[in-house]
Amino acid sequence: MMRESTNGPQAGEESPGGALSGPDLRPRFSTEDLFRAGRSEVCIDHNGMTYILRITRQNKLILNK
């Protein structure tokens, strides 16, 4: 699975798991946190629609409606 950058803390960076990161303070989530228990798909609800975020066999992320 993909990992967060290991270059050390940057301005505004806190601990993993939805913490704020980088100079613009965007939330950052690791795939280890999102895809717990060996799962390869998670559902994301947005504006009344459900999206599926999936890890492929090639270890890439795909977002489908």
Protein backbone atom coordinates (compact mmCIF):
# COMPACT_ATOMS: atom_id res chain seq x y z
CA MET A 1 0.00 0.00 0.00
CA MET A 2 1.01 3.61 -0.42
CA ARG A 3 2.73 5.35 2.47
CA GLU A 4 2.92 8.92 3.58
CA SER A 5 6.08 10.88 2.95
CA THR A 6 8.86 10.05 5.38
CA ASN A 7 10.80 13.27 4.83
CA GLY A 8 9.94 14.48 8.33
CA PRO A 9 7.35 16.99 9.54
CA GLN A 10 6.52 19.99 7.42
CA ALA A 11 4.83 23.23 8.42
CA GLY A 12 1.42 22.43 9.92
CA GLU A 13 1.98 18.66 9.91
CA GLU A 14 0.61 16.55 12.76
CA SER A 15 0.25 12.82 13.39
CA PRO A 16 -1.16 10.45 10.68
CA GLY A 17 -4.80 9.44 10.34
CA GLY A 18 -6.50 12.54 8.99
CA ALA A 19 -4.01 15.00 10.38
CA LEU A 20 -3.31 18.33 8.76
CA SER A 21 -0.24 18.34 6.56
CA GLY A 22 1.81 20.63 4.37
CA PRO A 23 1.89 24.39 4.04
CA ASP A 24 -1.76 24.60 2.92
CA LEU A 25 -3.02 22.37 5.79
CA ARG A 26 -4.92 19.85 3.67
CA PRO A 27 -6.06 16.75 5.58
CA ARG A 28 -3.94 13.69 4.75
CA PHE A 29 -5.04 10.05 5.13
CA SER A 30 -2.85 7.00 4.62
CA THR A 31 -4.20 4.05 2.66
CA GLU A 32 -3.36 1.88 5.68
CA ASP A 33 -5.92 3.87 7.68
CA LEU A 34 -8.55 3.90 4.91
CA PHE A 35 -8.23 0.24 3.88
CA ARG A 36 -8.10 -1.49 7.26
CA ALA A 37 -8.34 -5.26 7.73
CA GLY A 38 -6.99 -6.06 4.26
CA ARG A 39 -9.89 -4.50 2.39
CA SER A 40 -9.37 -3.23 -1.13
CA GLU A 41 -12.45 -0.96 -1.39
CA VAL A 42 -14.01 1.84 0.64
CA CYS A 43 -17.21 3.83 0.01
CA ILE A 44 -17.24 7.61 -0.01
CA ASP A 45 -20.55 9.51 0.17
CA HIS A 46 -20.57 12.90 -1.58
CA ASN A 47 -23.60 15.08 -2.43
CA GLY A 48 -26.01 12.15 -2.16
CA MET A 49 -23.87 9.91 -4.37
CA THR A 50 -21.73 6.95 -3.32
CA TYR A 51 -18.26 6.56 -4.79
CA ILE A 52 -16.01 3.51 -4.46
CA LEU A 53 -12.29 4.00 -3.93
CA ARG A 54 -10.46 0.81 -4.86
CA ILE A 55 -6.88 -0.48 -4.78
CA THR A 56 -6.10 -2.37 -8.01
CA ARG A 57 -3.91 -5.46 -8.42
CA GLN A 58 -1.18 -3.10 -9.63
CA ASN A 59 -1.48 -1.22 -6.29
CA LYS A 60 -3.02 1.91 -7.87
CA LEU A 61 -6.08 3.82 -6.69
CA ILE A 62 -9.26 4.08 -8.78
CA LEU A 63 -12.36 6.13 -7.87
CA ASN A 64 -15.66 5.01 -9.46
CA LYS A 65 -19.22 6.29 -9.20
